[in-house]
Amino acid sequence: MSKSKNLYIRIEPDVKENAEMILTQLGIPMSNAVGMFLKQVILHRGLPFDVTIPRNAPLDYSTLSQEQFDAEIRKGIDDLNAGRVVSAKKVREEMQRQYGI
């Protein structure tokens, strides 16, 4: 029996790149991280985390691609042009209510 098997997966390039950046900082090769994940699947007899629909969260600029950022800016400009605006005070209150920030 061989010591290892090959596993070929397809993943979005930005997901791979972002994961690799984090794993590199941790000093963990991608193949080791995948192996760790699969071992946790075995130990948990399922996914090692809850699979749920996340609650609404404010956009995090650092997670957006340039195209996504540009699209958000365009939406904001469209809202301004259409008169769909609210005061900064109302925005702050809504952020506090929805997100606790």
PDB file of N, CA and C in Angstrom:
ATOM      1  N   MET A   1       0.845  -1.183   0.000  1.00  0.00           N
ATOM      2  CA  MET A   1       0.000   0.000   0.000  1.00  0.00           C
ATOM      3  C   MET A   1       0.884   1.238   0.000  1.00  0.00           C
ATOM      4  N   SER A   2       0.579   2.201  -0.876  1.00  0.00           N
ATOM      5  CA  SER A   2       1.390   3.408  -0.962  1.00  0.00           C
ATOM      6  C   SER A   2       1.164   4.304   0.249  1.00  0.00           C
ATOM      7  N   LYS A   3       2.159   5.131   0.499  1.00  0.00           N
ATOM      8  CA  LYS A   3       2.069   6.038   1.646  1.00  0.00           C
ATOM      9  C   LYS A   3       1.122   7.204   1.393  1.00  0.00           C
ATOM     10  N   SER A   4       0.890   7.526   0.134  1.00  0.00           N
ATOM     11  CA  SER A   4       0.006   8.644  -0.160  1.00  0.00           C
ATOM     12  C   SER A   4      -0.716   8.409  -1.477  1.00  0.00           C
ATOM     13  N   LYS A   5      -1.783   9.138  -1.666  1.00  0.00           N
ATOM     14  CA  LYS A   5      -2.572   9.116  -2.895  1.00  0.00           C
ATOM     15  C   LYS A   5      -2.688  10.548  -3.401  1.00  0.00           C
ATOM     16  N   ASN A   6      -2.858  10.675  -4.686  1.00  0.00           N
ATOM     17  CA  ASN A   6      -3.064  11.991  -5.265  1.00  0.00           C
ATOM     18  C   ASN A   6      -4.529  12.366  -5.181  1.00  0.00           C
ATOM     19  N   LEU A   7      -4.775  13.641  -4.956  1.00  0.00           N
ATOM     20  CA  LEU A   7      -6.121  14.181  -4.912  1.00  0.00           C
ATOM     21  C   LEU A   7      -6.125  15.424  -5.798  1.00  0.00           C
ATOM     22  N   TYR A   8      -6.996  15.440  -6.785  1.00  0.00           N
ATOM     23  CA  TYR A   8      -7.097  16.573  -7.689  1.00  0.00           C
ATOM     24  C   TYR A   8      -8.425  17.269  -7.437  1.00  0.00           C
ATOM     25  N   ILE A   9      -8.353  18.554  -7.177  1.00  0.00           N
ATOM     26  CA  ILE A   9      -9.568  19.326  -6.931  1.00  0.00           C
ATOM     27  C   ILE A   9      -9.548  20.583  -7.784  1.00  0.00           C
ATOM     28  N   ARG A  10     -10.731  21.103  -8.056  1.00  0.00           N
ATOM     29  CA  ARG A  10     -10.863  22.381  -8.761  1.00  0.00           C
ATOM     30  C   ARG A  10     -11.401  23.384  -7.747  1.00  0.00           C
ATOM     31  N   ILE A  11     -10.793  24.546  -7.732  1.00  0.00           N
ATOM     32  CA  ILE A  11     -11.197  25.583  -6.788  1.00  0.00           C
ATOM     33  C   ILE A  11     -11.021  26.944  -7.446  1.00  0.00           C
ATOM     34  N   GLU A  12     -11.828  27.898  -7.029  1.00  0.00           N
ATOM     35  CA  GLU A  12     -11.716  29.240  -7.584  1.00  0.00           C
ATOM     36  C   GLU A  12     -10.324  29.790  -7.294  1.00  0.00           C
ATOM     37  N   PRO A  13      -9.708  30.439  -8.287  1.00  0.00           N
ATOM     38  CA  PRO A  13      -8.341  30.942  -8.112  1.00  0.00           C
ATOM     39  C   PRO A  13      -8.175  31.876  -6.918  1.00  0.00           C
ATOM     40  N   ASP A  14      -9.151  32.766  -6.673  1.00  0.00           N
ATOM     41  CA  ASP A  14      -9.002  33.710  -5.562  1.00  0.00           C
ATOM     42  C   ASP A  14      -9.099  33.001  -4.216  1.00  0.00           C
ATOM     43  N   VAL A  15      -9.913  31.946  -4.127  1.00  0.00           N
ATOM     44  CA  VAL A  15     -10.001  31.186  -2.881  1.00  0.00           C
ATOM     45  C   VAL A  15      -8.667  30.506  -2.608  1.00  0.00           C
ATOM     46  N   LYS A  16      -8.095  29.892  -3.631  1.00  0.00           N
ATOM     47  CA  LYS A  16      -6.799  29.217  -3.484  1.00  0.00           C
ATOM     48  C   LYS A  16      -5.717  30.216  -3.069  1.00  0.00           C
ATOM     49  N   GLU A  17      -5.682  31.361  -3.759  1.00  0.00           N
ATOM     50  CA  GLU A  17      -4.661  32.365  -3.476  1.00  0.00           C
ATOM     51  C   GLU A  17      -4.777  32.895  -2.040  1.00  0.00           C
ATOM     52  N   ASN A  18      -5.995  33.230  -1.624  1.00  0.00           N
ATOM     53  CA  ASN A  18      -6.185  33.753  -0.268  1.00  0.00           C
ATOM     54  C   ASN A  18      -5.840  32.708   0.781  1.00  0.00           C
ATOM     55  N   ALA A  19      -6.244  31.459   0.546  1.00  0.00           N
ATOM     56  CA  ALA A  19      -5.923  30.392   1.497  1.00  0.00           C
ATOM     57  C   ALA A  19      -4.418  30.167   1.559  1.00  0.00           C
ATOM     58  N   GLU A  20      -3.756  30.175   0.402  1.00  0.00           N
ATOM     59  CA  GLU A  20      -2.306  29.976   0.386  1.00  0.00           C
ATOM     60  C   GLU A  20      -1.578  31.071   1.151  1.00  0.00           C
ATOM     61  N   MET A  21      -2.050  32.321   1.032  1.00  0.00           N
ATOM     62  CA  MET A  21      -1.404  33.415   1.759  1.00  0.00           C
ATOM     63  C   MET A  21      -1.485  33.177   3.267  1.00  0.00           C
ATOM     64  N   ILE A  22      -2.639  32.758   3.728  1.00  0.00           N
ATOM     65  CA  ILE A  22      -2.820  32.512   5.160  1.00  0.00           C
ATOM     66  C   ILE A  22      -2.010  31.305   5.599  1.00  0.00           C
ATOM     67  N   LEU A  23      -2.084  30.219   4.837  1.00  0.00           N
ATOM     68  CA  LEU A  23      -1.355  29.004   5.201  1.00  0.00           C
ATOM     69  C   LEU A  23       0.152  29.231   5.192  1.00  0.00           C
ATOM     70  N   THR A  24       0.636  30.046   4.263  1.00  0.00           N
ATOM     71  CA  THR A  24       2.070  30.363   4.225  1.00  0.00           C
ATOM     72  C   THR A  24       2.487  31.084   5.504  1.00  0.00           C
ATOM     73  N   GLN A  25       1.652  32.012   5.959  1.00  0.00           N
ATOM     74  CA  GLN A  25       1.957  32.723   7.202  1.00  0.00           C
ATOM     75  C   GLN A  25       1.986  31.763   8.387  1.00  0.00           C
ATOM     76  N   LEU A  26       1.169  30.714   8.315  1.00  0.00           N
ATOM     77  CA  LEU A  26       1.139  29.714   9.379  1.00  0.00           C
ATOM     78  C   LEU A  26       2.216  28.655   9.217  1.00  0.00           C
ATOM     79  N   GLY A  27       2.877  28.650   8.059  1.00  0.00           N
ATOM     80  CA  GLY A  27       3.915  27.654   7.802  1.00  0.00           C
ATOM     81  C   GLY A  27       3.342  26.274   7.491  1.00  0.00           C
ATOM     82  N   ILE A  28       2.131  26.244   6.917  1.00  0.00           N
ATOM     83  CA  ILE A  28       1.479  24.975   6.615  1.00  0.00           C
ATOM     84  C   ILE A  28       1.287  24.867   5.110  1.00  0.00           C
ATOM     85  N   PRO A  29       1.883  23.860   4.468  1.00  0.00           N
ATOM     86  CA  PRO A  29       1.646  23.660   3.034  1.00  0.00           C
ATOM     87  C   PRO A  29       0.179  23.312   2.765  1.00  0.00           C
ATOM     88  N   MET A  30      -0.309  23.684   1.594  1.00  0.00           N
ATOM     89  CA  MET A  30      -1.703  23.423   1.233  1.00  0.00           C
ATOM     90  C   MET A  30      -2.029  21.940   1.370  1.00  0.00           C
ATOM     91  N   SER A  31      -1.142  21.070   0.917  1.00  0.00           N
ATOM     92  CA  SER A  31      -1.421  19.630   0.985  1.00  0.00           C
ATOM     93  C   SER A  31      -1.582  19.167   2.434  1.00  0.00           C
ATOM     94  N   ASN A  32      -0.796  19.729   3.346  1.00  0.00           N
ATOM     95  CA  ASN A  32      -0.940  19.378   4.765  1.00  0.00           C
ATOM     96  C   ASN A  32      -2.280  19.875   5.311  1.00  0.00           C
ATOM     97  N   ALA A  33      -2.680  21.093   4.895  1.00  0.00           N
ATOM     98  CA  ALA A  33      -3.946  21.652   5.369  1.00  0.00           C
ATOM     99  C   ALA A  33      -5.120  20.794   4.890  1.00  0.00           C
ATOM    100  N   VAL A  34      -5.068  20.353   3.639  1.00  0.00           N
ATOM    101  CA  VAL A  34      -6.136  19.496   3.120  1.00  0.00           C
ATOM    102  C   VAL A  34      -6.153  18.181   3.890  1.00  0.00           C
ATOM    103  N   GLY A  35      -4.975  17.617   4.151  1.00  0.00           N
ATOM    104  CA  GLY A  35      -4.896  16.386   4.940  1.00  0.00           C
ATOM    105  C   GLY A  35      -5.453  16.570   6.344  1.00  0.00           C
ATOM    106  N   MET A  36      -5.147  17.715   6.969  1.00  0.00           N
ATOM    107  CA  MET A  36      -5.669  18.003   8.302  1.00  0.00           C
ATOM    108  C   MET A  36      -7.195  18.084   8.268  1.00  0.00           C
ATOM    109  N   PHE A  37      -7.720  18.748   7.238  1.00  0.00           N
ATOM    110  CA  PHE A  37      -9.172  18.861   7.097  1.00  0.00           C
ATOM    111  C   PHE A  37      -9.803  17.472   6.983  1.00  0.00           C
ATOM    112  N   LEU A  38      -9.256  16.624   6.122  1.00  0.00           N
ATOM    113  CA  LEU A  38      -9.831  15.302   5.917  1.00  0.00           C
ATOM    114  C   LEU A  38      -9.745  14.448   7.184  1.00  0.00           C
ATOM    115  N   LYS A  39      -8.664  14.584   7.941  1.00  0.00           N
ATOM    116  CA  LYS A  39      -8.562  13.853   9.215  1.00  0.00           C
ATOM    117  C   LYS A  39      -9.630  14.332  10.193  1.00  0.00           C
ATOM    118  N   GLN A  40      -9.923  15.627  10.188  1.00  0.00           N
ATOM    119  CA  GLN A  40     -10.974  16.150  11.058  1.00  0.00           C
ATOM    120  C   GLN A  40     -12.350  15.661  10.613  1.00  0.00           C
ATOM    121  N   VAL A  41     -12.565  15.514   9.308  1.00  0.00           N
ATOM    122  CA  VAL A  41     -13.817  14.952   8.800  1.00  0.00           C
ATOM    123  C   VAL A  41     -14.001  13.543   9.369  1.00  0.00           C
ATOM    124  N   ILE A  42     -12.931  12.770   9.361  1.00  0.00           N
ATOM    125  CA  ILE A  42     -12.986  11.405   9.892  1.00  0.00           C
ATOM    126  C   ILE A  42     -13.282  11.434  11.387  1.00  0.00           C
ATOM    127  N   LEU A  43     -12.557  12.252  12.140  1.00  0.00           N
ATOM    128  CA  LEU A  43     -12.749  12.322  13.595  1.00  0.00           C
ATOM    129  C   LEU A  43     -14.153  12.780  13.978  1.00  0.00           C
ATOM    130  N   HIS A  44     -14.687  13.737  13.213  1.00  0.00           N
ATOM    131  CA  HIS A  44     -16.017  14.276  13.516  1.00  0.00           C
ATOM    132  C   HIS A  44     -17.138  13.469  12.860  1.00  0.00           C
ATOM    133  N   ARG A  45     -16.738  12.561  11.995  1.00  0.00           N
ATOM    134  CA  ARG A  45     -17.710  11.787  11.220  1.00  0.00           C
ATOM    135  C   ARG A  45     -18.662  12.716  10.470  1.00  0.00           C
ATOM    136  N   GLY A  46     -18.083  13.755   9.934  1.00  0.00           N
ATOM    137  CA  GLY A  46     -18.806  14.782   9.191  1.00  0.00           C
ATOM    138  C   GLY A  46     -17.920  16.000   9.065  1.00  0.00           C
ATOM    139  N   LEU A  47     -18.491  17.078   8.633  1.00  0.00           N
ATOM    140  CA  LEU A  47     -17.710  18.306   8.519  1.00  0.00           C
ATOM    141  C   LEU A  47     -17.312  18.802   9.907  1.00  0.00           C
ATOM    142  N   PRO A  48     -16.089  19.291  10.051  1.00  0.00           N
ATOM    143  CA  PRO A  48     -15.626  19.734  11.369  1.00  0.00           C
ATOM    144  C   PRO A  48     -16.059  21.155  11.719  1.00  0.00           C
ATOM    145  N   PHE A  49     -17.121  21.621  11.112  1.00  0.00           N
ATOM    146  CA  PHE A  49     -17.656  22.952  11.399  1.00  0.00           C
ATOM    147  C   PHE A  49     -19.127  22.952  11.012  1.00  0.00           C
ATOM    148  N   ASP A  50     -19.862  23.905  11.567  1.00  0.00           N
ATOM    149  CA  ASP A  50     -21.266  24.037  11.223  1.00  0.00           C
ATOM    150  C   ASP A  50     -21.406  24.611   9.825  1.00  0.00           C
ATOM    151  N   VAL A  51     -22.326  24.079   9.070  1.00  0.00           N
ATOM    152  CA  VAL A  51     -22.626  24.612   7.752  1.00  0.00           C
ATOM    153  C   VAL A  51     -23.965  25.334   7.876  1.00  0.00           C
ATOM    154  N   THR A  52     -23.884  26.659   7.914  1.00  0.00           N
ATOM    155  CA  THR A  52     -25.080  27.474   8.100  1.00  0.00           C
ATOM    156  C   THR A  52     -25.034  28.647   7.139  1.00  0.00           C
ATOM    157  N   ILE A  53     -26.156  29.274   6.978  1.00  0.00           N
ATOM    158  CA  ILE A  53     -26.207  30.507   6.201  1.00  0.00           C
ATOM    159  C   ILE A  53     -25.736  31.614   7.127  1.00  0.00           C
ATOM    160  N   PRO A  54     -24.672  32.332   6.743  1.00  0.00           N
ATOM    161  CA  PRO A  54     -24.151  33.375   7.635  1.00  0.00           C
ATOM    162  C   PRO A  54     -25.138  34.523   7.782  1.00  0.00           C
ATOM    163  N   ARG A  55     -25.075  35.167   8.947  1.00  0.00           N
ATOM    164  CA  ARG A  55     -25.918  36.340   9.156  1.00  0.00           C
ATOM    165  C   ARG A  55     -25.378  37.466   8.281  1.00  0.00           C
ATOM    166  N   ASN A  56     -26.223  38.419   8.035  1.00  0.00           N
ATOM    167  CA  ASN A  56     -25.766  39.566   7.261  1.00  0.00           C
ATOM    168  C   ASN A  56     -24.596  40.213   7.974  1.00  0.00           C
ATOM    169  N   ALA A  57     -23.614  40.579   7.217  1.00  0.00           N
ATOM    170  CA  ALA A  57     -22.455  41.258   7.789  1.00  0.00           C
ATOM    171  C   ALA A  57     -22.076  42.394   6.847  1.00  0.00           C
ATOM    172  N   PRO A  58     -21.523  43.457   7.384  1.00  0.00           N
ATOM    173  CA  PRO A  58     -21.103  44.547   6.504  1.00  0.00           C
ATOM    174  C   PRO A  58     -19.986  44.063   5.583  1.00  0.00           C
ATOM    175  N   LEU A  59     -19.899  44.656   4.410  1.00  0.00           N
ATOM    176  CA  LEU A  59     -18.846  44.289   3.478  1.00  0.00           C
ATOM    177  C   LEU A  59     -17.484  44.598   4.073  1.00  0.00           C
ATOM    178  N   ASP A  60     -16.554  43.718   3.857  1.00  0.00           N
ATOM    179  CA  ASP A  60     -15.172  43.920   4.273  1.00  0.00           C
ATOM    180  C   ASP A  60     -14.366  44.236   3.018  1.00  0.00           C
ATOM    181  N   TYR A  61     -13.928  45.462   2.905  1.00  0.00           N
ATOM    182  CA  TYR A  61     -13.213  45.912   1.712  1.00  0.00           C
ATOM    183  C   TYR A  61     -12.065  44.977   1.364  1.00  0.00           C
ATOM    184  N   SER A  62     -11.361  44.460   2.355  1.00  0.00           N
ATOM    185  CA  SER A  62     -10.170  43.642   2.090  1.00  0.00           C
ATOM    186  C   SER A  62     -10.506  42.313   1.423  1.00  0.00           C
ATOM    187  N   THR A  63     -11.780  41.909   1.445  1.00  0.00           N
ATOM    188  CA  THR A  63     -12.156  40.631   0.837  1.00  0.00           C
ATOM    189  C   THR A  63     -12.685  40.793  -0.583  1.00  0.00           C
ATOM    190  N   LEU A  64     -12.826  42.030  -1.056  1.00  0.00           N
ATOM    191  CA  LEU A  64     -13.399  42.273  -2.370  1.00  0.00           C
ATOM    192  C   LEU A  64     -12.334  42.324  -3.453  1.00  0.00           C
ATOM    193  N   SER A  65     -12.663  41.758  -4.613  1.00  0.00           N
ATOM    194  CA  SER A  65     -11.800  41.934  -5.773  1.00  0.00           C
ATOM    195  C   SER A  65     -12.006  43.362  -6.292  1.00  0.00           C
ATOM    196  N   GLN A  66     -11.152  43.790  -7.196  1.00  0.00           N
ATOM    197  CA  GLN A  66     -11.303  45.133  -7.759  1.00  0.00           C
ATOM    198  C   GLN A  66     -12.655  45.262  -8.453  1.00  0.00           C
ATOM    199  N   GLU A  67     -13.083  44.214  -9.162  1.00  0.00           N
ATOM    200  CA  GLU A  67     -14.367  44.249  -9.866  1.00  0.00           C
ATOM    201  C   GLU A  67     -15.528  44.339  -8.873  1.00  0.00           C
ATOM    202  N   GLN A  68     -15.461  43.596  -7.776  1.00  0.00           N
ATOM    203  CA  GLN A  68     -16.519  43.647  -6.763  1.00  0.00           C
ATOM    204  C   GLN A  68     -16.565  45.028  -6.109  1.00  0.00           C
ATOM    205  N   PHE A  69     -15.389  45.572  -5.806  1.00  0.00           N
ATOM    206  CA  PHE A  69     -15.323  46.901  -5.203  1.00  0.00           C
ATOM    207  C   PHE A  69     -15.936  47.941  -6.150  1.00  0.00           C
ATOM    208  N   ASP A  70     -15.555  47.879  -7.433  1.00  0.00           N
ATOM    209  CA  ASP A  70     -16.096  48.815  -8.415  1.00  0.00           C
ATOM    210  C   ASP A  70     -17.612  48.692  -8.512  1.00  0.00           C
ATOM    211  N   ALA A  71     -18.135  47.461  -8.461  1.00  0.00           N
ATOM    212  CA  ALA A  71     -19.584  47.247  -8.533  1.00  0.00           C
ATOM    213  C   ALA A  71     -20.277  47.865  -7.321  1.00  0.00           C
ATOM    214  N   GLU A  72     -19.683  47.741  -6.136  1.00  0.00           N
ATOM    215  CA  GLU A  72     -20.275  48.344  -4.929  1.00  0.00           C
ATOM    216  C   GLU A  72     -20.279  49.864  -5.029  1.00  0.00           C
ATOM    217  N   ILE A  73     -19.194  50.434  -5.547  1.00  0.00           N
ATOM    218  CA  ILE A  73     -19.129  51.889  -5.738  1.00  0.00           C
ATOM    219  C   ILE A  73     -20.200  52.336  -6.736  1.00  0.00           C
ATOM    220  N   ARG A  74     -20.365  51.574  -7.829  1.00  0.00           N
ATOM    221  CA  ARG A  74     -21.397  51.905  -8.819  1.00  0.00           C
ATOM    222  C   ARG A  74     -22.786  51.862  -8.183  1.00  0.00           C
ATOM    223  N   LYS A  75     -23.045  50.870  -7.334  1.00  0.00           N
ATOM    224  CA  LYS A  75     -24.343  50.797  -6.656  1.00  0.00           C
ATOM    225  C   LYS A  75     -24.556  52.034  -5.785  1.00  0.00           C
ATOM    226  N   GLY A  76     -23.507  52.459  -5.091  1.00  0.00           N
ATOM    227  CA  GLY A  76     -23.609  53.647  -4.248  1.00  0.00           C
ATOM    228  C   GLY A  76     -23.891  54.902  -5.052  1.00  0.00           C
ATOM    229  N   ILE A  77     -23.224  55.037  -6.179  1.00  0.00           N
ATOM    230  CA  ILE A  77     -23.452  56.205  -7.042  1.00  0.00           C
ATOM    231  C   ILE A  77     -24.873  56.173  -7.597  1.00  0.00           C
ATOM    232  N   ASP A  78     -25.338  54.989  -7.998  1.00  0.00           N
ATOM    233  CA  ASP A  78     -26.722  54.861  -8.484  1.00  0.00           C
ATOM    234  C   ASP A  78     -27.711  55.259  -7.394  1.00  0.00           C
ATOM    235  N   ASP A  79     -27.464  54.835  -6.154  1.00  0.00           N
ATOM    236  CA  ASP A  79     -28.340  55.211  -5.044  1.00  0.00           C
ATOM    237  C   ASP A  79     -28.348  56.725  -4.842  1.00  0.00           C
ATOM    238  N   LEU A  80     -27.173  57.339  -4.890  1.00  0.00           N
ATOM    239  CA  LEU A  80     -27.095  58.803  -4.747  1.00  0.00           C
ATOM    240  C   LEU A  80     -27.893  59.485  -5.840  1.00  0.00           C
ATOM    241  N   ASN A  81     -27.697  59.059  -7.081  1.00  0.00           N
ATOM    242  CA  ASN A  81     -28.391  59.676  -8.216  1.00  0.00           C
ATOM    243  C   ASN A  81     -29.894  59.479  -8.123  1.00  0.00           C
ATOM    244  N   ALA A  82     -30.337  58.384  -7.519  1.00  0.00           N
ATOM    245  CA  ALA A  82     -31.773  58.106  -7.402  1.00  0.00           C
ATOM    246  C   ALA A  82     -32.366  58.704  -6.132  1.00  0.00           C
ATOM    247  N   GLY A  83     -31.527  59.374  -5.323  1.00  0.00           N
ATOM    248  CA  GLY A  83     -32.029  59.984  -4.094  1.00  0.00           C
ATOM    249  C   GLY A  83     -32.230  59.003  -2.955  1.00  0.00           C
ATOM    250  N   ARG A  84     -31.681  57.803  -3.080  1.00  0.00           N
ATOM    251  CA  ARG A  84     -31.795  56.805  -2.004  1.00  0.00           C
ATOM    252  C   ARG A  84     -30.624  57.014  -1.041  1.00  0.00           C
ATOM    253  N   VAL A  85     -30.802  57.968  -0.144  1.00  0.00           N
ATOM    254  CA  VAL A  85     -29.746  58.308   0.808  1.00  0.00           C
ATOM    255  C   VAL A  85     -30.326  58.368   2.219  1.00  0.00           C
ATOM    256  N   VAL A  86     -29.459  58.132   3.205  1.00  0.00           N
ATOM    257  CA  VAL A  86     -29.839  58.269   4.610  1.00  0.00           C
ATOM    258  C   VAL A  86     -28.718  59.009   5.327  1.00  0.00           C
ATOM    259  N   SER A  87     -29.036  59.547   6.474  1.00  0.00           N
ATOM    260  CA  SER A  87     -28.039  60.308   7.222  1.00  0.00           C
ATOM    261  C   SER A  87     -27.003  59.371   7.842  1.00  0.00           C
ATOM    262  N   ALA A  88     -25.854  59.924   8.138  1.00  0.00           N
ATOM    263  CA  ALA A  88     -24.797  59.150   8.792  1.00  0.00           C
ATOM    264  C   ALA A  88     -25.274  58.634  10.145  1.00  0.00           C
ATOM    265  N   LYS A  89     -26.087  59.423  10.827  1.00  0.00           N
ATOM    266  CA  LYS A  89     -26.620  59.009  12.129  1.00  0.00           C
ATOM    267  C   LYS A  89     -27.463  57.747  11.977  1.00  0.00           C
ATOM    268  N   LYS A  90     -28.329  57.719  10.953  1.00  0.00           N
ATOM    269  CA  LYS A  90     -29.164  56.536  10.735  1.00  0.00           C
ATOM    270  C   LYS A  90     -28.316  55.320  10.348  1.00  0.00           C
ATOM    271  N   VAL A  91     -27.291  55.539   9.559  1.00  0.00           N
ATOM    272  CA  VAL A  91     -26.386  54.435   9.186  1.00  0.00           C
ATOM    273  C   VAL A  91     -25.726  53.872  10.438  1.00  0.00           C
ATOM    274  N   ARG A  92     -25.223  54.754  11.291  1.00  0.00           N
ATOM    275  CA  ARG A  92     -24.564  54.328  12.529  1.00  0.00           C
ATOM    276  C   ARG A  92     -25.534  53.539  13.406  1.00  0.00           C
ATOM    277  N   GLU A  93     -26.751  54.027  13.550  1.00  0.00           N
ATOM    278  CA  GLU A  93     -27.762  53.333  14.364  1.00  0.00           C
ATOM    279  C   GLU A  93     -28.077  51.948  13.793  1.00  0.00           C
ATOM    280  N   GLU A  94     -28.214  51.874  12.477  1.00  0.00           N
ATOM    281  CA  GLU A  94     -28.530  50.592  11.835  1.00  0.00           C
ATOM    282  C   GLU A  94     -27.367  49.605  11.963  1.00  0.00           C
ATOM    283  N   MET A  95     -26.139  50.092  11.821  1.00  0.00           N
ATOM    284  CA  MET A  95     -24.961  49.210  12.003  1.00  0.00           C
ATOM    285  C   MET A  95     -24.919  48.685  13.440  1.00  0.00           C
ATOM    286  N   GLN A  96     -25.236  49.530  14.377  1.00  0.00           N
ATOM    287  CA  GLN A  96     -25.260  49.109  15.783  1.00  0.00           C
ATOM    288  C   GLN A  96     -26.348  48.057  15.995  1.00  0.00           C
ATOM    289  N   ARG A  97     -27.519  48.302  15.448  1.00  0.00           N
ATOM    290  CA  ARG A  97     -28.638  47.389  15.614  1.00  0.00           C
ATOM    291  C   ARG A  97     -28.369  46.033  14.958  1.00  0.00           C
ATOM    292  N   GLN A  98     -27.910  46.052  13.710  1.00  0.00           N
ATOM    293  CA  GLN A  98     -27.732  44.805  12.949  1.00  0.00           C
ATOM    294  C   GLN A  98     -26.462  44.047  13.313  1.00  0.00           C
ATOM    295  N   TYR A  99     -25.386  44.754  13.538  1.00  0.00           N
ATOM    296  CA  TYR A  99     -24.086  44.102  13.663  1.00  0.00           C
ATOM    297  C   TYR A  99     -23.409  44.300  15.013  1.00  0.00           C
ATOM    298  N   GLY A 100     -23.984  45.113  15.858  1.00  0.00           N
ATOM    299  CA  GLY A 100     -23.372  45.353  17.155  1.00  0.00           C
ATOM    300  C   GLY A 100     -22.098  46.161  17.087  1.00  0.00           C
ATOM    301  N   ILE A 101     -21.957  46.970  16.037  1.00  0.00           N
ATOM    302  CA  ILE A 101     -20.729  47.783  15.897  1.00  0.00           C
ATOM    303  C   ILE A 101     -21.084  49.249  15.792  1.00  0.00           C
TER     304      ILE A 101
END
